[in-house]
Amino acid sequence: MSTRTALRLDPQAEADLQFLAEIYGTQTAAMKSALAALAERERRFAAMRDFIAETEADSGDLTETELETARELFG
């Protein structure tokens, strides 16, 4: 089931939406794509934070090599 949501956008956000709508075909498609990309990025960041916290709890602070590995895995 889909829901309808109204947003108030400042001029820059409106321009960004128009720019993306030209790429994705519609404002709705642009918003869906932008939300999906943002959610995926935040999930990766959360997974990286969890990984670091778990690893540090088990074995102390991460080395620079381990941090680089985490960056490679989680973006």
PDB file of N, CA and C in Angstrom:
ATOM      1  N   MET A   1       0.840  -1.178   0.000  1.00  0.00           N
ATOM      2  CA  MET A   1       0.000   0.000   0.000  1.00  0.00           C
ATOM      3  C   MET A   1       0.884   1.239   0.000  1.00  0.00           C
ATOM      4  N   SER A   2       0.592   2.167  -0.851  1.00  0.00           N
ATOM      5  CA  SER A   2       1.381   3.384  -0.908  1.00  0.00           C
ATOM      6  C   SER A   2       0.671   4.500  -0.149  1.00  0.00           C
ATOM      7  N   THR A   3       1.472   5.429   0.330  1.00  0.00           N
ATOM      8  CA  THR A   3       0.915   6.583   1.021  1.00  0.00           C
ATOM      9  C   THR A   3       1.352   7.851   0.301  1.00  0.00           C
ATOM     10  N   ARG A   4       0.607   8.892   0.489  1.00  0.00           N
ATOM     11  CA  ARG A   4       0.927  10.179  -0.113  1.00  0.00           C
ATOM     12  C   ARG A   4       1.483  11.064   0.992  1.00  0.00           C
ATOM     13  N   THR A   5       2.610  11.699   0.702  1.00  0.00           N
ATOM     14  CA  THR A   5       3.265  12.573   1.657  1.00  0.00           C
ATOM     15  C   THR A   5       3.510  13.930   1.010  1.00  0.00           C
ATOM     16  N   ALA A   6       3.222  14.983   1.742  1.00  0.00           N
ATOM     17  CA  ALA A   6       3.486  16.340   1.254  1.00  0.00           C
ATOM     18  C   ALA A   6       4.744  16.867   1.937  1.00  0.00           C
ATOM     19  N   LEU A   7       5.572  17.529   1.158  1.00  0.00           N
ATOM     20  CA  LEU A   7       6.809  18.098   1.686  1.00  0.00           C
ATOM     21  C   LEU A   7       6.873  19.581   1.366  1.00  0.00           C
ATOM     22  N   ARG A   8       7.427  20.342   2.288  1.00  0.00           N
ATOM     23  CA  ARG A   8       7.733  21.744   2.011  1.00  0.00           C
ATOM     24  C   ARG A   8       9.223  21.812   1.727  1.00  0.00           C
ATOM     25  N   LEU A   9       9.564  22.282   0.558  1.00  0.00           N
ATOM     26  CA  LEU A   9      10.954  22.329   0.140  1.00  0.00           C
ATOM     27  C   LEU A   9      11.432  23.768   0.030  1.00  0.00           C
ATOM     28  N   ASP A  10      12.659  23.990   0.492  1.00  0.00           N
ATOM     29  CA  ASP A  10      13.259  25.303   0.283  1.00  0.00           C
ATOM     30  C   ASP A  10      13.688  25.381  -1.189  1.00  0.00           C
ATOM     31  N   PRO A  11      14.053  26.562  -1.666  1.00  0.00           N
ATOM     32  CA  PRO A  11      14.386  26.697  -3.090  1.00  0.00           C
ATOM     33  C   PRO A  11      15.495  25.755  -3.562  1.00  0.00           C
ATOM     34  N   GLN A  12      16.522  25.531  -2.749  1.00  0.00           N
ATOM     35  CA  GLN A  12      17.600  24.644  -3.175  1.00  0.00           C
ATOM     36  C   GLN A  12      17.115  23.206  -3.284  1.00  0.00           C
ATOM     37  N   ALA A  13      16.327  22.754  -2.308  1.00  0.00           N
ATOM     38  CA  ALA A  13      15.793  21.396  -2.359  1.00  0.00           C
ATOM     39  C   ALA A  13      14.862  21.226  -3.554  1.00  0.00           C
ATOM     40  N   GLU A  14      14.081  22.247  -3.862  1.00  0.00           N
ATOM     41  CA  GLU A  14      13.194  22.193  -5.029  1.00  0.00           C
ATOM     42  C   GLU A  14      14.017  22.088  -6.313  1.00  0.00           C
ATOM     43  N   ALA A  15      15.099  22.848  -6.400  1.00  0.00           N
ATOM     44  CA  ALA A  15      15.972  22.772  -7.575  1.00  0.00           C
ATOM     45  C   ALA A  15      16.625  21.390  -7.666  1.00  0.00           C
ATOM     46  N   ASP A  16      17.044  20.855  -6.530  1.00  0.00           N
ATOM     47  CA  ASP A  16      17.627  19.506  -6.514  1.00  0.00           C
ATOM     48  C   ASP A  16      16.613  18.472  -6.990  1.00  0.00           C
ATOM     49  N   LEU A  17      15.388  18.589  -6.519  1.00  0.00           N
ATOM     50  CA  LEU A  17      14.342  17.653  -6.926  1.00  0.00           C
ATOM     51  C   LEU A  17      14.080  17.758  -8.429  1.00  0.00           C
ATOM     52  N   GLN A  18      14.022  18.960  -8.941  1.00  0.00           N
ATOM     53  CA  GLN A  18      13.800  19.136 -10.383  1.00  0.00           C
ATOM     54  C   GLN A  18      14.947  18.525 -11.193  1.00  0.00           C
ATOM     55  N   PHE A  19      16.174  18.745 -10.719  1.00  0.00           N
ATOM     56  CA  PHE A  19      17.345  18.172 -11.386  1.00  0.00           C
ATOM     57  C   PHE A  19      17.243  16.649 -11.433  1.00  0.00           C
ATOM     58  N   LEU A  20      16.921  16.054 -10.276  1.00  0.00           N
ATOM     59  CA  LEU A  20      16.812  14.591 -10.216  1.00  0.00           C
ATOM     60  C   LEU A  20      15.619  14.075 -11.012  1.00  0.00           C
ATOM     61  N   ALA A  21      14.531  14.824 -11.029  1.00  0.00           N
ATOM     62  CA  ALA A  21      13.350  14.408 -11.789  1.00  0.00           C
ATOM     63  C   ALA A  21      13.668  14.321 -13.280  1.00  0.00           C
ATOM     64  N   GLU A  22      14.521  15.208 -13.765  1.00  0.00           N
ATOM     65  CA  GLU A  22      14.917  15.145 -15.178  1.00  0.00           C
ATOM     66  C   GLU A  22      15.697  13.867 -15.469  1.00  0.00           C
ATOM     67  N   ILE A  23      16.449  13.394 -14.493  1.00  0.00           N
ATOM     68  CA  ILE A  23      17.232  12.169 -14.663  1.00  0.00           C
ATOM     69  C   ILE A  23      16.360  10.936 -14.509  1.00  0.00           C
ATOM     70  N   TYR A  24      15.502  10.924 -13.469  1.00  0.00           N
ATOM     71  CA  TYR A  24      14.710   9.731 -13.143  1.00  0.00           C
ATOM     72  C   TYR A  24      13.323   9.721 -13.759  1.00  0.00           C
ATOM     73  N   GLY A  25      12.953  10.785 -14.441  1.00  0.00           N
ATOM     74  CA  GLY A  25      11.687  10.774 -15.167  1.00  0.00           C
ATOM     75  C   GLY A  25      10.541  11.483 -14.479  1.00  0.00           C
ATOM     76  N   THR A  26      10.425  11.338 -13.169  1.00  0.00           N
ATOM     77  CA  THR A  26       9.362  12.002 -12.414  1.00  0.00           C
ATOM     78  C   THR A  26       9.898  12.409 -11.047  1.00  0.00           C
ATOM     79  N   GLN A  27       9.188  13.327 -10.411  1.00  0.00           N
ATOM     80  CA  GLN A  27       9.572  13.709  -9.055  1.00  0.00           C
ATOM     81  C   GLN A  27       9.434  12.529  -8.099  1.00  0.00           C
ATOM     82  N   THR A  28       8.404  11.726  -8.302  1.00  0.00           N
ATOM     83  CA  THR A  28       8.208  10.563  -7.437  1.00  0.00           C
ATOM     84  C   THR A  28       9.364   9.578  -7.567  1.00  0.00           C
ATOM     85  N   ALA A  29       9.746   9.282  -8.785  1.00  0.00           N
ATOM     86  CA  ALA A  29      10.867   8.359  -8.997  1.00  0.00           C
ATOM     87  C   ALA A  29      12.160   8.938  -8.422  1.00  0.00           C
ATOM     88  N   ALA A  30      12.342  10.237  -8.572  1.00  0.00           N
ATOM     89  CA  ALA A  30      13.529  10.885  -8.026  1.00  0.00           C
ATOM     90  C   ALA A  30      13.554  10.784  -6.505  1.00  0.00           C
ATOM     91  N   MET A  31      12.431  11.044  -5.868  1.00  0.00           N
ATOM     92  CA  MET A  31      12.358  10.963  -4.403  1.00  0.00           C
ATOM     93  C   MET A  31      12.588   9.529  -3.916  1.00  0.00           C
ATOM     94  N   LYS A  32      11.978   8.562  -4.578  1.00  0.00           N
ATOM     95  CA  LYS A  32      12.171   7.166  -4.188  1.00  0.00           C
ATOM     96  C   LYS A  32      13.633   6.760  -4.318  1.00  0.00           C
ATOM     97  N   SER A  33      14.264   7.160  -5.416  1.00  0.00           N
ATOM     98  CA  SER A  33      15.668   6.820  -5.627  1.00  0.00           C
ATOM     99  C   SER A  33      16.561   7.497  -4.595  1.00  0.00           C
ATOM    100  N   ALA A  34      16.294   8.762  -4.315  1.00  0.00           N
ATOM    101  CA  ALA A  34      17.092   9.498  -3.338  1.00  0.00           C
ATOM    102  C   ALA A  34      16.929   8.904  -1.939  1.00  0.00           C
ATOM    103  N   LEU A  35      15.714   8.576  -1.555  1.00  0.00           N
ATOM    104  CA  LEU A  35      15.482   7.973  -0.243  1.00  0.00           C
ATOM    105  C   LEU A  35      16.161   6.611  -0.125  1.00  0.00           C
ATOM    106  N   ALA A  36      16.077   5.820  -1.179  1.00  0.00           N
ATOM    107  CA  ALA A  36      16.711   4.501  -1.160  1.00  0.00           C
ATOM    108  C   ALA A  36      18.225   4.633  -1.026  1.00  0.00           C
ATOM    109  N   ALA A  37      18.818   5.577  -1.758  1.00  0.00           N
ATOM    110  CA  ALA A  37      20.272   5.772  -1.692  1.00  0.00           C
ATOM    111  C   ALA A  37      20.695   6.263  -0.310  1.00  0.00           C
ATOM    112  N   LEU A  38      19.954   7.183   0.260  1.00  0.00           N
ATOM    113  CA  LEU A  38      20.264   7.695   1.591  1.00  0.00           C
ATOM    114  C   LEU A  38      20.112   6.609   2.643  1.00  0.00           C
ATOM    115  N   ALA A  39      19.052   5.835   2.566  1.00  0.00           N
ATOM    116  CA  ALA A  39      18.838   4.749   3.528  1.00  0.00           C
ATOM    117  C   ALA A  39      19.950   3.709   3.436  1.00  0.00           C
ATOM    118  N   GLU A  40      20.358   3.364   2.228  1.00  0.00           N
ATOM    119  CA  GLU A  40      21.439   2.388   2.054  1.00  0.00           C
ATOM    120  C   GLU A  40      22.737   2.922   2.642  1.00  0.00           C
ATOM    121  N   ARG A  41      23.038   4.188   2.409  1.00  0.00           N
ATOM    122  CA  ARG A  41      24.252   4.794   2.967  1.00  0.00           C
ATOM    123  C   ARG A  41      24.227   4.747   4.490  1.00  0.00           C
ATOM    124  N   GLU A  42      23.102   5.093   5.076  1.00  0.00           N
ATOM    125  CA  GLU A  42      22.990   5.091   6.538  1.00  0.00           C
ATOM    126  C   GLU A  42      23.080   3.672   7.106  1.00  0.00           C
ATOM    127  N   ARG A  43      22.543   2.679   6.376  1.00  0.00           N
ATOM    128  CA  ARG A  43      22.668   1.284   6.822  1.00  0.00           C
ATOM    129  C   ARG A  43      24.135   0.847   6.814  1.00  0.00           C
ATOM    130  N   ARG A  44      24.886   1.245   5.773  1.00  0.00           N
ATOM    131  CA  ARG A  44      26.316   0.923   5.722  1.00  0.00           C
ATOM    132  C   ARG A  44      27.062   1.576   6.869  1.00  0.00           C
ATOM    133  N   PHE A  45      26.768   2.844   7.145  1.00  0.00           N
ATOM    134  CA  PHE A  45      27.419   3.538   8.261  1.00  0.00           C
ATOM    135  C   PHE A  45      27.102   2.860   9.581  1.00  0.00           C
ATOM    136  N   ALA A  46      25.846   2.465   9.776  1.00  0.00           N
ATOM    137  CA  ALA A  46      25.453   1.784  11.013  1.00  0.00           C
ATOM    138  C   ALA A  46      26.166   0.445  11.138  1.00  0.00           C
ATOM    139  N   ALA A  47      26.266  -0.295  10.031  1.00  0.00           N
ATOM    140  CA  ALA A  47      26.970  -1.579  10.059  1.00  0.00           C
ATOM    141  C   ALA A  47      28.439  -1.379  10.392  1.00  0.00           C
ATOM    142  N   MET A  48      29.047  -0.333   9.859  1.00  0.00           N
ATOM    143  CA  MET A  48      30.448  -0.065  10.154  1.00  0.00           C
ATOM    144  C   MET A  48      30.627   0.301  11.626  1.00  0.00           C
ATOM    145  N   ARG A  49      29.750   1.147  12.150  1.00  0.00           N
ATOM    146  CA  ARG A  49      29.837   1.508  13.574  1.00  0.00           C
ATOM    147  C   ARG A  49      29.675   0.272  14.455  1.00  0.00           C
ATOM    148  N   ASP A  50      28.721  -0.598  14.113  1.00  0.00           N
ATOM    149  CA  ASP A  50      28.512  -1.832  14.880  1.00  0.00           C
ATOM    150  C   ASP A  50      29.734  -2.737  14.811  1.00  0.00           C
ATOM    151  N   PHE A  51      30.309  -2.868  13.614  1.00  0.00           N
ATOM    152  CA  PHE A  51      31.498  -3.691  13.429  1.00  0.00           C
ATOM    153  C   PHE A  51      32.650  -3.177  14.277  1.00  0.00           C
ATOM    154  N   ILE A  52      32.867  -1.883  14.247  1.00  0.00           N
ATOM    155  CA  ILE A  52      33.959  -1.292  15.024  1.00  0.00           C
ATOM    156  C   ILE A  52      33.714  -1.477  16.515  1.00  0.00           C
ATOM    157  N   ALA A  53      32.510  -1.211  16.973  1.00  0.00           N
ATOM    158  CA  ALA A  53      32.198  -1.352  18.400  1.00  0.00           C
ATOM    159  C   ALA A  53      32.376  -2.796  18.864  1.00  0.00           C
ATOM    160  N   GLU A  54      31.902  -3.748  18.065  1.00  0.00           N
ATOM    161  CA  GLU A  54      32.023  -5.170  18.420  1.00  0.00           C
ATOM    162  C   GLU A  54      33.488  -5.601  18.457  1.00  0.00           C
ATOM    163  N   THR A  55      34.229  -5.197  17.455  1.00  0.00           N
ATOM    164  CA  THR A  55      35.635  -5.567  17.381  1.00  0.00           C
ATOM    165  C   THR A  55      36.420  -4.954  18.528  1.00  0.00           C
ATOM    166  N   GLU A  56      36.175  -3.685  18.815  1.00  0.00           N
ATOM    167  CA  GLU A  56      36.883  -3.033  19.908  1.00  0.00           C
ATOM    168  C   GLU A  56      36.499  -3.632  21.260  1.00  0.00           C
ATOM    169  N   ALA A  57      35.258  -4.047  21.413  1.00  0.00           N
ATOM    170  CA  ALA A  57      34.839  -4.685  22.665  1.00  0.00           C
ATOM    171  C   ALA A  57      35.558  -6.019  22.856  1.00  0.00           C
ATOM    172  N   ASP A  58      35.815  -6.726  21.754  1.00  0.00           N
ATOM    173  CA  ASP A  58      36.479  -8.025  21.817  1.00  0.00           C
ATOM    174  C   ASP A  58      37.995  -7.924  21.969  1.00  0.00           C
ATOM    175  N   SER A  59      38.599  -6.900  21.294  1.00  0.00           N
ATOM    176  CA  SER A  59      40.067  -6.912  21.247  1.00  0.00           C
ATOM    177  C   SER A  59      40.725  -5.544  21.364  1.00  0.00           C
ATOM    178  N   GLY A  60      40.026  -4.547  21.833  1.00  0.00           N
ATOM    179  CA  GLY A  60      40.631  -3.227  21.990  1.00  0.00           C
ATOM    180  C   GLY A  60      40.511  -2.390  20.729  1.00  0.00           C
ATOM    181  N   ASP A  61      41.159  -1.235  20.770  1.00  0.00           N
ATOM    182  CA  ASP A  61      41.067  -0.294  19.657  1.00  0.00           C
ATOM    183  C   ASP A  61      41.558  -0.917  18.353  1.00  0.00           C
ATOM    184  N   LEU A  62      40.911  -0.531  17.268  1.00  0.00           N
ATOM    185  CA  LEU A  62      41.310  -1.018  15.950  1.00  0.00           C
ATOM    186  C   LEU A  62      42.607  -0.356  15.508  1.00  0.00           C
ATOM    187  N   THR A  63      43.381  -1.123  14.778  1.00  0.00           N
ATOM    188  CA  THR A  63      44.591  -0.568  14.162  1.00  0.00           C
ATOM    189  C   THR A  63      44.185   0.179  12.893  1.00  0.00           C
ATOM    190  N   GLU A  64      45.088   0.949  12.338  1.00  0.00           N
ATOM    191  CA  GLU A  64      44.801   1.653  11.098  1.00  0.00           C
ATOM    192  C   GLU A  64      44.497   0.667   9.966  1.00  0.00           C
ATOM    193  N   THR A  65      45.168  -0.471   9.948  1.00  0.00           N
ATOM    194  CA  THR A  65      44.910  -1.504   8.936  1.00  0.00           C
ATOM    195  C   THR A  65      43.488  -2.038   9.069  1.00  0.00           C
ATOM    196  N   GLU A  66      43.059  -2.296  10.298  1.00  0.00           N
ATOM    197  CA  GLU A  66      41.696  -2.787  10.521  1.00  0.00           C
ATOM    198  C   GLU A  66      40.664  -1.731  10.143  1.00  0.00           C
ATOM    199  N   LEU A  67      40.937  -0.469  10.440  1.00  0.00           N
ATOM    200  CA  LEU A  67      40.018   0.604  10.040  1.00  0.00           C
ATOM    201  C   LEU A  67      39.922   0.696   8.520  1.00  0.00           C
ATOM    202  N   GLU A  68      41.040   0.526   7.842  1.00  0.00           N
ATOM    203  CA  GLU A  68      41.026   0.562   6.378  1.00  0.00           C
ATOM    204  C   GLU A  68      40.205  -0.605   5.818  1.00  0.00           C
ATOM    205  N   THR A  69      40.334  -1.779   6.422  1.00  0.00           N
ATOM    206  CA  THR A  69      39.525  -2.927   6.011  1.00  0.00           C
ATOM    207  C   THR A  69      38.040  -2.630   6.194  1.00  0.00           C
ATOM    208  N   ALA A  70      37.700  -2.022   7.323  1.00  0.00           N
ATOM    209  CA  ALA A  70      36.289  -1.656   7.570  1.00  0.00           C
ATOM    210  C   ALA A  70      35.798  -0.664   6.516  1.00  0.00           C
ATOM    211  N   ARG A  71      36.614   0.307   6.169  1.00  0.00           N
ATOM    212  CA  ARG A  71      36.237   1.280   5.138  1.00  0.00           C
ATOM    213  C   ARG A  71      35.999   0.584   3.798  1.00  0.00           C
ATOM    214  N   GLU A  72      36.840  -0.383   3.471  1.00  0.00           N
ATOM    215  CA  GLU A  72      36.680  -1.121   2.212  1.00  0.00           C
ATOM    216  C   GLU A  72      35.389  -1.948   2.214  1.00  0.00           C
ATOM    217  N   LEU A  73      35.084  -2.552   3.342  1.00  0.00           N
ATOM    218  CA  LEU A  73      33.895  -3.406   3.439  1.00  0.00           C
ATOM    219  C   LEU A  73      32.607  -2.597   3.447  1.00  0.00           C
ATOM    220  N   PHE A  74      32.604  -1.457   4.129  1.00  0.00           N
ATOM    221  CA  PHE A  74      31.373  -0.727   4.360  1.00  0.00           C
ATOM    222  C   PHE A  74      31.269   0.599   3.615  1.00  0.00           C
ATOM    223  N   GLY A  75      32.278   0.928   2.829  1.00  0.00           N
ATOM    224  CA  GLY A  75      32.217   2.130   2.011  1.00  0.00           C
ATOM    225  C   GLY A  75      32.483   3.418   2.689  1.00  0.00           C
TER     226      GLY A  75
END
